[in-house]
Full PDB file with SEQRES, HELIX, SHEET, SSBOND, CRYST1, ORIGX, SCALE, CONECT and MASTER records, all heavy atoms in Angstrom:
SEQRES   1 A   43  SER LEU GLY VAL SER LYS ARG THR LEU LEU VAL GLN ALA          
SEQRES   2 A   43  GLY ASN PHE PRO VAL GLU VAL LEU PHE LEU ARG ASP ASP          
SEQRES   3 A   43  ASP ILE PRO GLN SER VAL ALA GLY GLY VAL ALA ASP VAL          
SEQRES   4 A   43  GLY ILE VAL GLY                                              
HELIX    1 AA1 ASP A   25  ASP A   27  5                                   3    
HELIX    2 AA2 ILE A   28  ALA A   33  1                                   6    
SHEET    1 AA1 2 LEU A  10  GLN A  12  0                                        
SHEET    2 AA1 2 GLU A  19  LEU A  21 -1                                        
CRYST1    1.000    1.000    1.000  90.00  90.00  90.00 P 1           1          
ORIGX1      1.000000  0.000000  0.000000        0.00000                         
ORIGX2      0.000000  1.000000  0.000000        0.00000                         
ORIGX3      0.000000  0.000000  1.000000        0.00000                         
SCALE1      1.000000  0.000000  0.000000        0.00000                         
SCALE2      0.000000  1.000000  0.000000        0.00000                         
SCALE3      0.000000  0.000000  1.000000        0.00000                         
ATOM      1  N   SER A   1       1.455  12.829   3.613  1.00  0.00           N  
ATOM      2  CA  SER A   1       0.885  13.508   2.453  1.00  0.00           C  
ATOM      3  C   SER A   1       0.959  12.609   1.222  1.00  0.00           C  
ATOM      4  O   SER A   1       2.049  12.246   0.759  1.00  0.00           O  
ATOM      5  CB  SER A   1       1.643  14.818   2.192  1.00  0.00           C  
ATOM      6  OG  SER A   1       1.159  15.464   1.050  1.00  0.00           O  
ATOM      7  N   LEU A   2      -0.237  12.235   0.709  1.00  0.00           N  
ATOM      8  CA  LEU A   2      -0.313  11.345  -0.450  1.00  0.00           C  
ATOM      9  C   LEU A   2      -1.139  11.994  -1.558  1.00  0.00           C  
ATOM     10  O   LEU A   2      -2.242  12.474  -1.302  1.00  0.00           O  
ATOM     11  CB  LEU A   2      -0.959  10.013  -0.068  1.00  0.00           C  
ATOM     12  CG  LEU A   2      -0.210   9.135   0.934  1.00  0.00           C  
ATOM     13  CD1 LEU A   2      -1.138   8.055   1.461  1.00  0.00           C  
ATOM     14  CD2 LEU A   2       1.014   8.508   0.275  1.00  0.00           C  
ATOM     15  N   GLY A   3      -0.613  11.980  -2.764  1.00  0.00           N  
ATOM     16  CA  GLY A   3      -1.394  12.419  -3.907  1.00  0.00           C  
ATOM     17  C   GLY A   3      -2.016  11.187  -4.552  1.00  0.00           C  
ATOM     18  O   GLY A   3      -1.334  10.444  -5.255  1.00  0.00           O  
ATOM     19  N   VAL A   4      -3.291  10.936  -4.277  1.00  0.00           N  
ATOM     20  CA  VAL A   4      -3.924   9.679  -4.677  1.00  0.00           C  
ATOM     21  C   VAL A   4      -4.926   9.912  -5.801  1.00  0.00           C  
ATOM     22  O   VAL A   4      -5.750  10.814  -5.726  1.00  0.00           O  
ATOM     23  CB  VAL A   4      -4.636   9.026  -3.474  1.00  0.00           C  
ATOM     24  CG1 VAL A   4      -5.289   7.723  -3.898  1.00  0.00           C  
ATOM     25  CG2 VAL A   4      -3.644   8.777  -2.341  1.00  0.00           C  
ATOM     26  N   SER A   5      -4.851   9.069  -6.819  1.00  0.00           N  
ATOM     27  CA  SER A   5      -5.888   9.032  -7.842  1.00  0.00           C  
ATOM     28  C   SER A   5      -6.419   7.605  -7.922  1.00  0.00           C  
ATOM     29  O   SER A   5      -5.753   6.661  -7.502  1.00  0.00           O  
ATOM     30  CB  SER A   5      -5.341   9.460  -9.206  1.00  0.00           C  
ATOM     31  OG  SER A   5      -4.472   8.475  -9.718  1.00  0.00           O  
ATOM     32  N   LYS A   6      -7.617   7.436  -8.455  1.00  0.00           N  
ATOM     33  CA  LYS A   6      -8.265   6.128  -8.460  1.00  0.00           C  
ATOM     34  C   LYS A   6      -7.516   5.095  -9.296  1.00  0.00           C  
ATOM     35  O   LYS A   6      -7.670   3.901  -9.107  1.00  0.00           O  
ATOM     36  CB  LYS A   6      -9.709   6.263  -8.953  1.00  0.00           C  
ATOM     37  CG  LYS A   6     -10.610   6.999  -7.964  1.00  0.00           C  
ATOM     38  CD  LYS A   6     -12.050   7.009  -8.437  1.00  0.00           C  
ATOM     39  CE  LYS A   6     -12.952   7.688  -7.414  1.00  0.00           C  
ATOM     40  NZ  LYS A   6     -14.367   7.735  -7.867  1.00  0.00           N  
ATOM     41  N   ARG A   7      -6.708   5.530 -10.226  1.00  0.00           N  
ATOM     42  CA  ARG A   7      -6.017   4.590 -11.102  1.00  0.00           C  
ATOM     43  C   ARG A   7      -4.594   4.295 -10.642  1.00  0.00           C  
ATOM     44  O   ARG A   7      -3.875   3.538 -11.286  1.00  0.00           O  
ATOM     45  CB  ARG A   7      -5.978   5.150 -12.526  1.00  0.00           C  
ATOM     46  CG  ARG A   7      -7.375   5.264 -13.151  1.00  0.00           C  
ATOM     47  CD  ARG A   7      -7.283   5.680 -14.602  1.00  0.00           C  
ATOM     48  NE  ARG A   7      -8.604   5.763 -15.223  1.00  0.00           N  
ATOM     49  CZ  ARG A   7      -8.821   6.056 -16.481  1.00  0.00           C  
ATOM     50  NH1 ARG A   7      -7.782   6.316 -17.283  1.00  0.00           N  
ATOM     51  NH2 ARG A   7     -10.049   6.113 -16.970  1.00  0.00           N  
ATOM     52  N   THR A   8      -4.176   4.873  -9.526  1.00  0.00           N  
ATOM     53  CA  THR A   8      -2.819   4.692  -9.043  1.00  0.00           C  
ATOM     54  C   THR A   8      -2.757   3.512  -8.089  1.00  0.00           C  
ATOM     55  O   THR A   8      -3.518   3.448  -7.122  1.00  0.00           O  
ATOM     56  CB  THR A   8      -2.321   5.960  -8.326  1.00  0.00           C  
ATOM     57  OG1 THR A   8      -2.458   7.077  -9.201  1.00  0.00           O  
ATOM     58  CG2 THR A   8      -0.872   5.814  -7.916  1.00  0.00           C  
ATOM     59  N   LEU A   9      -1.860   2.570  -8.334  1.00  0.00           N  
ATOM     60  CA  LEU A   9      -1.723   1.394  -7.470  1.00  0.00           C  
ATOM     61  C   LEU A   9      -0.657   1.583  -6.400  1.00  0.00           C  
ATOM     62  O   LEU A   9      -0.741   0.983  -5.329  1.00  0.00           O  
ATOM     63  CB  LEU A   9      -1.383   0.155  -8.313  1.00  0.00           C  
ATOM     64  CG  LEU A   9      -2.445  -0.292  -9.316  1.00  0.00           C  
ATOM     65  CD1 LEU A   9      -1.944  -1.494 -10.104  1.00  0.00           C  
ATOM     66  CD2 LEU A   9      -3.745  -0.631  -8.603  1.00  0.00           C  
ATOM     67  N   LEU A  10       0.349   2.405  -6.687  1.00  0.00           N  
ATOM     68  CA  LEU A  10       1.449   2.616  -5.747  1.00  0.00           C  
ATOM     69  C   LEU A  10       1.749   4.107  -5.668  1.00  0.00           C  
ATOM     70  O   LEU A  10       2.033   4.738  -6.690  1.00  0.00           O  
ATOM     71  CB  LEU A  10       2.694   1.842  -6.200  1.00  0.00           C  
ATOM     72  CG  LEU A  10       3.903   1.881  -5.268  1.00  0.00           C  
ATOM     73  CD1 LEU A  10       3.581   1.180  -3.947  1.00  0.00           C  
ATOM     74  CD2 LEU A  10       5.110   1.215  -5.931  1.00  0.00           C  
ATOM     75  N   VAL A  11       1.655   4.661  -4.460  1.00  0.00           N  
ATOM     76  CA  VAL A  11       1.850   6.099  -4.268  1.00  0.00           C  
ATOM     77  C   VAL A  11       2.895   6.325  -3.180  1.00  0.00           C  
ATOM     78  O   VAL A  11       2.817   5.738  -2.099  1.00  0.00           O  
ATOM     79  CB  VAL A  11       0.532   6.791  -3.851  1.00  0.00           C  
ATOM     80  CG1 VAL A  11       0.766   8.284  -3.634  1.00  0.00           C  
ATOM     81  CG2 VAL A  11      -0.534   6.569  -4.905  1.00  0.00           C  
ATOM     82  N   GLN A  12       3.855   7.191  -3.469  1.00  0.00           N  
ATOM     83  CA  GLN A  12       4.882   7.527  -2.489  1.00  0.00           C  
ATOM     84  C   GLN A  12       4.511   8.826  -1.777  1.00  0.00           C  
ATOM     85  O   GLN A  12       4.071   9.785  -2.404  1.00  0.00           O  
ATOM     86  CB  GLN A  12       6.235   7.677  -3.178  1.00  0.00           C  
ATOM     87  CG  GLN A  12       7.393   7.920  -2.216  1.00  0.00           C  
ATOM     88  CD  GLN A  12       8.736   7.885  -2.929  1.00  0.00           C  
ATOM     89  OE1 GLN A  12       8.917   7.168  -3.908  1.00  0.00           O  
ATOM     90  NE2 GLN A  12       9.678   8.678  -2.430  1.00  0.00           N  
ATOM     91  N   ALA A  13       4.678   8.842  -0.456  1.00  0.00           N  
ATOM     92  CA  ALA A  13       4.404  10.054   0.314  1.00  0.00           C  
ATOM     93  C   ALA A  13       5.459  11.103  -0.003  1.00  0.00           C  
ATOM     94  O   ALA A  13       6.627  10.786  -0.225  1.00  0.00           O  
ATOM     95  CB  ALA A  13       4.400   9.747   1.807  1.00  0.00           C  
ATOM     96  N   GLY A  14       5.019  12.360   0.008  1.00  0.00           N  
ATOM     97  CA  GLY A  14       5.951  13.435  -0.311  1.00  0.00           C  
ATOM     98  C   GLY A  14       6.743  13.928   0.878  1.00  0.00           C  
ATOM     99  O   GLY A  14       7.726  14.655   0.708  1.00  0.00           O  
ATOM    100  N   ASN A  15       6.348  13.539   2.086  1.00  0.00           N  
ATOM    101  CA  ASN A  15       6.982  14.119   3.276  1.00  0.00           C  
ATOM    102  C   ASN A  15       7.344  13.087   4.337  1.00  0.00           C  
ATOM    103  O   ASN A  15       7.606  13.431   5.487  1.00  0.00           O  
ATOM    104  CB  ASN A  15       6.044  15.152   3.896  1.00  0.00           C  
ATOM    105  CG  ASN A  15       4.706  14.558   4.296  1.00  0.00           C  
ATOM    106  OD1 ASN A  15       4.377  13.435   3.913  1.00  0.00           O  
ATOM    107  ND2 ASN A  15       3.946  15.310   5.067  1.00  0.00           N  
ATOM    108  N   PHE A  16       7.343  11.800   3.968  1.00  0.00           N  
ATOM    109  CA  PHE A  16       7.651  10.741   4.934  1.00  0.00           C  
ATOM    110  C   PHE A  16       8.082   9.511   4.135  1.00  0.00           C  
ATOM    111  O   PHE A  16       7.544   9.261   3.054  1.00  0.00           O  
ATOM    112  CB  PHE A  16       6.400  10.425   5.774  1.00  0.00           C  
ATOM    113  CG  PHE A  16       6.678   9.605   7.011  1.00  0.00           C  
ATOM    114  CD1 PHE A  16       7.245  10.176   8.131  1.00  0.00           C  
ATOM    115  CD2 PHE A  16       6.374   8.255   7.038  1.00  0.00           C  
ATOM    116  CE1 PHE A  16       7.512   9.419   9.266  1.00  0.00           C  
ATOM    117  CE2 PHE A  16       6.628   7.492   8.169  1.00  0.00           C  
ATOM    118  CZ  PHE A  16       7.194   8.086   9.291  1.00  0.00           C  
ATOM    119  N   PRO A  17       9.048   8.724   4.625  1.00  0.00           N  
ATOM    120  CA  PRO A  17       9.584   7.600   3.834  1.00  0.00           C  
ATOM    121  C   PRO A  17       8.660   6.370   3.793  1.00  0.00           C  
ATOM    122  O   PRO A  17       9.020   5.280   4.236  1.00  0.00           O  
ATOM    123  CB  PRO A  17      10.912   7.288   4.523  1.00  0.00           C  
ATOM    124  CG  PRO A  17      10.698   7.699   5.945  1.00  0.00           C  
ATOM    125  CD  PRO A  17       9.824   8.925   5.877  1.00  0.00           C  
ATOM    126  N   VAL A  18       7.448   6.575   3.280  1.00  0.00           N  
ATOM    127  CA  VAL A  18       6.519   5.459   3.081  1.00  0.00           C  
ATOM    128  C   VAL A  18       5.923   5.538   1.686  1.00  0.00           C  
ATOM    129  O   VAL A  18       5.843   6.614   1.096  1.00  0.00           O  
ATOM    130  CB  VAL A  18       5.368   5.444   4.125  1.00  0.00           C  
ATOM    131  CG1 VAL A  18       5.891   5.341   5.539  1.00  0.00           C  
ATOM    132  CG2 VAL A  18       4.443   6.629   3.952  1.00  0.00           C  
ATOM    133  N   GLU A  19       5.507   4.387   1.177  1.00  0.00           N  
ATOM    134  CA  GLU A  19       4.731   4.329  -0.044  1.00  0.00           C  
ATOM    135  C   GLU A  19       3.542   3.408   0.212  1.00  0.00           C  
ATOM    136  O   GLU A  19       3.632   2.451   0.979  1.00  0.00           O  
ATOM    137  CB  GLU A  19       5.574   3.858  -1.231  1.00  0.00           C  
ATOM    138  CG  GLU A  19       6.246   2.518  -1.048  1.00  0.00           C  
ATOM    139  CD  GLU A  19       7.140   2.179  -2.228  1.00  0.00           C  
ATOM    140  OE1 GLU A  19       7.308   3.013  -3.129  1.00  0.00           O  
ATOM    141  OE2 GLU A  19       7.693   1.049  -2.237  1.00  0.00           O  
ATOM    142  N   VAL A  20       2.423   3.726  -0.417  1.00  0.00           N  
ATOM    143  CA  VAL A  20       1.180   2.999  -0.178  1.00  0.00           C  
ATOM    144  C   VAL A  20       0.820   2.185  -1.418  1.00  0.00           C  
ATOM    145  O   VAL A  20       0.765   2.718  -2.529  1.00  0.00           O  
ATOM    146  CB  VAL A  20       0.037   3.967   0.187  1.00  0.00           C  
ATOM    147  CG1 VAL A  20      -1.282   3.208   0.326  1.00  0.00           C  
ATOM    148  CG2 VAL A  20       0.358   4.695   1.489  1.00  0.00           C  
ATOM    149  N   LEU A  21       0.600   0.895  -1.204  1.00  0.00           N  
ATOM    150  CA  LEU A  21       0.210  -0.027  -2.262  1.00  0.00           C  
ATOM    151  C   LEU A  21      -1.275  -0.359  -2.073  1.00  0.00           C  
ATOM    152  O   LEU A  21      -1.677  -0.864  -1.026  1.00  0.00           O  
ATOM    153  CB  LEU A  21       1.044  -1.301  -2.181  1.00  0.00           C  
ATOM    154  CG  LEU A  21       0.699  -2.444  -3.146  1.00  0.00           C  
ATOM    155  CD1 LEU A  21       0.959  -2.025  -4.589  1.00  0.00           C  
ATOM    156  CD2 LEU A  21       1.498  -3.694  -2.787  1.00  0.00           C  
ATOM    157  N   PHE A  22      -2.094  -0.067  -3.080  1.00  0.00           N  
ATOM    158  CA  PHE A  22      -3.543  -0.283  -2.976  1.00  0.00           C  
ATOM    159  C   PHE A  22      -3.907  -1.653  -3.552  1.00  0.00           C  
ATOM    160  O   PHE A  22      -3.611  -1.951  -4.709  1.00  0.00           O  
ATOM    161  CB  PHE A  22      -4.296   0.828  -3.704  1.00  0.00           C  
ATOM    162  CG  PHE A  22      -4.096   2.175  -3.083  1.00  0.00           C  
ATOM    163  CD1 PHE A  22      -3.217   3.091  -3.637  1.00  0.00           C  
ATOM    164  CD2 PHE A  22      -4.768   2.527  -1.927  1.00  0.00           C  
ATOM    165  CE1 PHE A  22      -3.020   4.338  -3.062  1.00  0.00           C  
ATOM    166  CE2 PHE A  22      -4.578   3.761  -1.336  1.00  0.00           C  
ATOM    167  CZ  PHE A  22      -3.708   4.666  -1.899  1.00  0.00           C  
ATOM    168  N   LEU A  23      -4.573  -2.463  -2.705  1.00  0.00           N  
ATOM    169  CA  LEU A  23      -4.908  -3.833  -3.081  1.00  0.00           C  
ATOM    170  C   LEU A  23      -6.334  -4.181  -2.660  1.00  0.00           C  
ATOM    171  O   LEU A  23      -6.957  -3.464  -1.867  1.00  0.00           O  
ATOM    172  CB  LEU A  23      -3.955  -4.824  -2.376  1.00  0.00           C  
ATOM    173  CG  LEU A  23      -2.465  -4.727  -2.693  1.00  0.00           C  
ATOM    174  CD1 LEU A  23      -1.691  -5.653  -1.762  1.00  0.00           C  
ATOM    175  CD2 LEU A  23      -2.188  -5.104  -4.145  1.00  0.00           C  
ATOM    176  N   ARG A  24      -6.843  -5.305  -3.143  1.00  0.00           N  
ATOM    177  CA  ARG A  24      -8.068  -5.878  -2.605  1.00  0.00           C  
ATOM    178  C   ARG A  24      -7.808  -6.294  -1.155  1.00  0.00           C  
ATOM    179  O   ARG A  24      -6.695  -6.723  -0.818  1.00  0.00           O  
ATOM    180  CB  ARG A  24      -8.483  -7.109  -3.409  1.00  0.00           C  
ATOM    181  CG  ARG A  24      -9.117  -6.817  -4.756  1.00  0.00           C  
ATOM    182  CD  ARG A  24      -9.200  -8.094  -5.577  1.00  0.00           C  
ATOM    183  NE  ARG A  24      -9.675  -9.227  -4.788  1.00  0.00           N  
ATOM    184  CZ  ARG A  24     -10.919  -9.711  -4.843  1.00  0.00           C  
ATOM    185  NH1 ARG A  24     -11.810  -9.141  -5.642  1.00  0.00           N  
ATOM    186  NH2 ARG A  24     -11.267 -10.755  -4.125  1.00  0.00           N  
ATOM    187  N   ASP A  25      -8.832  -6.194  -0.310  1.00  0.00           N  
ATOM    188  CA  ASP A  25      -8.634  -6.502   1.101  1.00  0.00           C  
ATOM    189  C   ASP A  25      -8.134  -7.925   1.332  1.00  0.00           C  
ATOM    190  O   ASP A  25      -7.268  -8.158   2.182  1.00  0.00           O  
ATOM    191  CB  ASP A  25      -9.917  -6.250   1.903  1.00  0.00           C  
ATOM    192  CG  ASP A  25     -11.115  -7.019   1.358  1.00  0.00           C  
ATOM    193  OD1 ASP A  25     -11.013  -7.571   0.254  1.00  0.00           O  
ATOM    194  OD2 ASP A  25     -12.150  -7.042   2.046  1.00  0.00           O  
ATOM    195  N   ASP A  26      -8.625  -8.888   0.545  1.00  0.00           N  
ATOM    196  CA  ASP A  26      -8.220 -10.275   0.772  1.00  0.00           C  
ATOM    197  C   ASP A  26      -6.824 -10.584   0.231  1.00  0.00           C  
ATOM    198  O   ASP A  26      -6.283 -11.666   0.482  1.00  0.00           O  
ATOM    199  CB  ASP A  26      -9.248 -11.258   0.199  1.00  0.00           C  
ATOM    200  CG  ASP A  26      -9.597 -10.960  -1.259  1.00  0.00           C  
ATOM    201  OD1 ASP A  26      -9.067  -9.993  -1.822  1.00  0.00           O  
ATOM    202  OD2 ASP A  26     -10.407 -11.710  -1.830  1.00  0.00           O  
ATOM    203  N   ASP A  27      -6.219  -9.655  -0.509  1.00  0.00           N  
ATOM    204  CA  ASP A  27      -4.848  -9.846  -0.993  1.00  0.00           C  
ATOM    205  C   ASP A  27      -3.801  -9.266  -0.029  1.00  0.00           C  
ATOM    206  O   ASP A  27      -2.609  -9.553  -0.178  1.00  0.00           O  
ATOM    207  CB  ASP A  27      -4.667  -9.177  -2.358  1.00  0.00           C  
ATOM    208  CG  ASP A  27      -5.388  -9.916  -3.479  1.00  0.00           C  
ATOM    209  OD1 ASP A  27      -5.612 -11.127  -3.329  1.00  0.00           O  
ATOM    210  OD2 ASP A  27      -5.744  -9.275  -4.479  1.00  0.00           O  
ATOM    211  N   ILE A  28      -4.242  -8.457   0.928  1.00  0.00           N  
ATOM    212  CA  ILE A  28      -3.291  -7.758   1.798  1.00  0.00           C  
ATOM    213  C   ILE A  28      -2.504  -8.717   2.700  1.00  0.00           C  
ATOM    214  O   ILE A  28      -1.266  -8.600   2.792  1.00  0.00           O  
ATOM    215  CB  ILE A  28      -4.001  -6.662   2.613  1.00  0.00           C  
ATOM    216  CG1 ILE A  28      -4.462  -5.540   1.659  1.00  0.00           C  
ATOM    217  CG2 ILE A  28      -3.076  -6.089   3.690  1.00  0.00           C  
ATOM    218  CD1 ILE A  28      -5.290  -4.457   2.312  1.00  0.00           C  
ATOM    219  N   PRO A  29      -3.131  -9.680   3.388  1.00  0.00           N  
ATOM    220  CA  PRO A  29      -2.336 -10.574   4.242  1.00  0.00           C  
ATOM    221  C   PRO A  29      -1.235 -11.312   3.481  1.00  0.00           C  
ATOM    222  O   PRO A  29      -0.096 -11.409   3.957  1.00  0.00           O  
ATOM    223  CB  PRO A  29      -3.385 -11.548   4.801  1.00  0.00           C  
ATOM    224  CG  PRO A  29      -4.659 -10.770   4.792  1.00  0.00           C  
ATOM    225  CD  PRO A  29      -4.582  -9.936   3.550  1.00  0.00           C  
ATOM    226  N   GLN A  30      -1.550 -11.807   2.292  1.00  0.00           N  
ATOM    227  CA  GLN A  30      -0.554 -12.524   1.499  1.00  0.00           C  
ATOM    228  C   GLN A  30       0.562 -11.597   1.033  1.00  0.00           C  
ATOM    229  O   GLN A  30       1.734 -11.977   1.021  1.00  0.00           O  
ATOM    230  CB  GLN A  30      -1.217 -13.184   0.291  1.00  0.00           C  
ATOM    231  CG  GLN A  30      -0.251 -14.021  -0.552  1.00  0.00           C  
ATOM    232  CD  GLN A  30      -0.925 -14.674  -1.741  1.00  0.00           C  
ATOM    233  OE1 GLN A  30      -2.019 -14.286  -2.133  1.00  0.00           O  
ATOM    234  NE2 GLN A  30      -0.282 -15.671  -2.318  1.00  0.00           N  
ATOM    235  N   SER A  31       0.211 -10.374   0.657  1.00  0.00           N  
ATOM    236  CA  SER A  31       1.240  -9.441   0.182  1.00  0.00           C  
ATOM    237  C   SER A  31       2.224  -9.095   1.295  1.00  0.00           C  
ATOM    238  O   SER A  31       3.419  -8.927   1.049  1.00  0.00           O  
ATOM    239  CB  SER A  31       0.594  -8.166  -0.374  1.00  0.00           C  
ATOM    240  OG  SER A  31       0.088  -7.351   0.655  1.00  0.00           O  
ATOM    241  N   VAL A  32       1.726  -8.998   2.528  1.00  0.00           N  
ATOM    242  CA  VAL A  32       2.607  -8.696   3.666  1.00  0.00           C  
ATOM    243  C   VAL A  32       3.447  -9.925   4.021  1.00  0.00           C  
ATOM    244  O   VAL A  32       4.658  -9.828   4.231  1.00  0.00           O  
ATOM    245  CB  VAL A  32       1.783  -8.228   4.880  1.00  0.00           C  
ATOM    246  CG1 VAL A  32       2.679  -8.090   6.117  1.00  0.00           C  
ATOM    247  CG2 VAL A  32       1.102  -6.898   4.574  1.00  0.00           C  
ATOM    248  N   ALA A  33       2.815 -11.087   4.091  1.00  0.00           N  
ATOM    249  CA  ALA A  33       3.548 -12.318   4.417  1.00  0.00           C  
ATOM    250  C   ALA A  33       4.624 -12.624   3.381  1.00  0.00           C  
ATOM    251  O   ALA A  33       5.706 -13.108   3.716  1.00  0.00           O  
ATOM    252  CB  ALA A  33       2.573 -13.487   4.530  1.00  0.00           C  
ATOM    253  N   GLY A  34       4.346 -12.320   2.101  1.00  0.00           N  
ATOM    254  CA  GLY A  34       5.294 -12.604   1.028  1.00  0.00           C  
ATOM    255  C   GLY A  34       6.339 -11.530   0.821  1.00  0.00           C  
ATOM    256  O   GLY A  34       7.224 -11.693  -0.038  1.00  0.00           O  
ATOM    257  N   GLY A  35       6.245 -10.423   1.546  1.00  0.00           N  
ATOM    258  CA  GLY A  35       7.245  -9.368   1.432  1.00  0.00           C  
ATOM    259  C   GLY A  35       6.998  -8.373   0.319  1.00  0.00           C  
ATOM    260  O   GLY A  35       7.822  -7.491   0.083  1.00  0.00           O  
ATOM    261  N   VAL A  36       5.865  -8.496  -0.367  1.00  0.00           N  
ATOM    262  CA  VAL A  36       5.524  -7.495  -1.385  1.00  0.00           C  
ATOM    263  C   VAL A  36       5.276  -6.152  -0.706  1.00  0.00           C  
ATOM    264  O   VAL A  36       5.614  -5.098  -1.238  1.00  0.00           O  
ATOM    265  CB  VAL A  36       4.270  -7.933  -2.178  1.00  0.00           C  
ATOM    266  CG1 VAL A  36       3.836  -6.840  -3.153  1.00  0.00           C  
ATOM    267  CG2 VAL A  36       4.558  -9.228  -2.926  1.00  0.00           C  
ATOM    268  N   ALA A  37       4.677  -6.187   0.475  1.00  0.00           N  
ATOM    269  CA  ALA A  37       4.518  -5.007   1.328  1.00  0.00           C  
ATOM    270  C   ALA A  37       5.141  -5.325   2.683  1.00  0.00           C  
ATOM    271  O   ALA A  37       5.198  -6.495   3.093  1.00  0.00           O  
ATOM    272  CB  ALA A  37       3.048  -4.645   1.486  1.00  0.00           C  
ATOM    273  N   ASP A  38       5.628  -4.285   3.361  1.00  0.00           N  
ATOM    274  CA  ASP A  38       6.237  -4.491   4.682  1.00  0.00           C  
ATOM    275  C   ASP A  38       5.170  -4.589   5.773  1.00  0.00           C  
ATOM    276  O   ASP A  38       5.290  -5.395   6.703  1.00  0.00           O  
ATOM    277  CB  ASP A  38       7.196  -3.339   5.001  1.00  0.00           C  
ATOM    278  CG  ASP A  38       8.261  -3.188   3.941  1.00  0.00           C  
ATOM    279  OD1 ASP A  38       9.002  -4.164   3.705  1.00  0.00           O  
ATOM    280  OD2 ASP A  38       8.340  -2.100   3.331  1.00  0.00           O  
ATOM    281  N   VAL A  39       4.154  -3.753   5.656  1.00  0.00           N  
ATOM    282  CA  VAL A  39       3.035  -3.764   6.604  1.00  0.00           C  
ATOM    283  C   VAL A  39       1.746  -3.584   5.808  1.00  0.00           C  
ATOM    284  O   VAL A  39       1.766  -3.196   4.639  1.00  0.00           O  
ATOM    285  CB  VAL A  39       3.155  -2.650   7.674  1.00  0.00           C  
ATOM    286  CG1 VAL A  39       4.372  -2.868   8.563  1.00  0.00           C  
ATOM    287  CG2 VAL A  39       3.206  -1.269   7.027  1.00  0.00           C  
ATOM    288  N   GLY A  40       0.635  -3.863   6.461  1.00  0.00           N  
ATOM    289  CA  GLY A  40      -0.648  -3.671   5.798  1.00  0.00           C  
ATOM    290  C   GLY A  40      -1.717  -3.333   6.812  1.00  0.00           C  
ATOM    291  O   GLY A  40      -1.624  -3.721   7.986  1.00  0.00           O  
ATOM    292  N   ILE A  41      -2.718  -2.598   6.371  1.00  0.00           N  
ATOM    293  CA  ILE A  41      -3.874  -2.299   7.208  1.00  0.00           C  
ATOM    294  C   ILE A  41      -5.045  -3.090   6.641  1.00  0.00           C  
ATOM    295  O   ILE A  41      -5.445  -2.886   5.499  1.00  0.00           O  
ATOM    296  CB  ILE A  41      -4.167  -0.790   7.250  1.00  0.00           C  
ATOM    297  CG1 ILE A  41      -2.990  -0.059   7.906  1.00  0.00           C  
ATOM    298  CG2 ILE A  41      -5.469  -0.508   8.010  1.00  0.00           C  
ATOM    299  CD1 ILE A  41      -3.129   1.455   7.948  1.00  0.00           C  
ATOM    300  N   VAL A  42      -5.569  -4.005   7.458  1.00  0.00           N  
ATOM    301  CA  VAL A  42      -6.560  -4.964   6.965  1.00  0.00           C  
ATOM    302  C   VAL A  42      -7.535  -5.297   8.077  1.00  0.00           C  
ATOM    303  O   VAL A  42      -7.214  -5.187   9.262  1.00  0.00           O  
ATOM    304  CB  VAL A  42      -5.840  -6.245   6.464  1.00  0.00           C  
ATOM    305  CG1 VAL A  42      -5.186  -7.000   7.609  1.00  0.00           C  
ATOM    306  CG2 VAL A  42      -6.780  -7.147   5.690  1.00  0.00           C  
ATOM    307  N   GLY A  43      -8.733  -5.710   7.691  1.00  0.00           N  
ATOM    308  CA  GLY A  43      -9.699  -6.147   8.676  1.00  0.00           C  
ATOM    309  C   GLY A  43      -9.245  -7.436   9.346  1.00  0.00           C  
ATOM    310  O   GLY A  43      -8.682  -8.326   8.708  1.00  0.00           O  
TER     311      GLY A  43                                                      
MASTER        0    0    0    2    2    0    0    6  310    1    0    4          
END                                                                             
């Protein structure tokens, strides 16, 4: 369960220990490799 708005970059789930970081698709691999995010969903 995520309460998402277009201006929010980081959202914490209300019912599960995850938070979602919204990025440009080409920034996701680097953010995961660098430890800014633990996992990422990317093409």
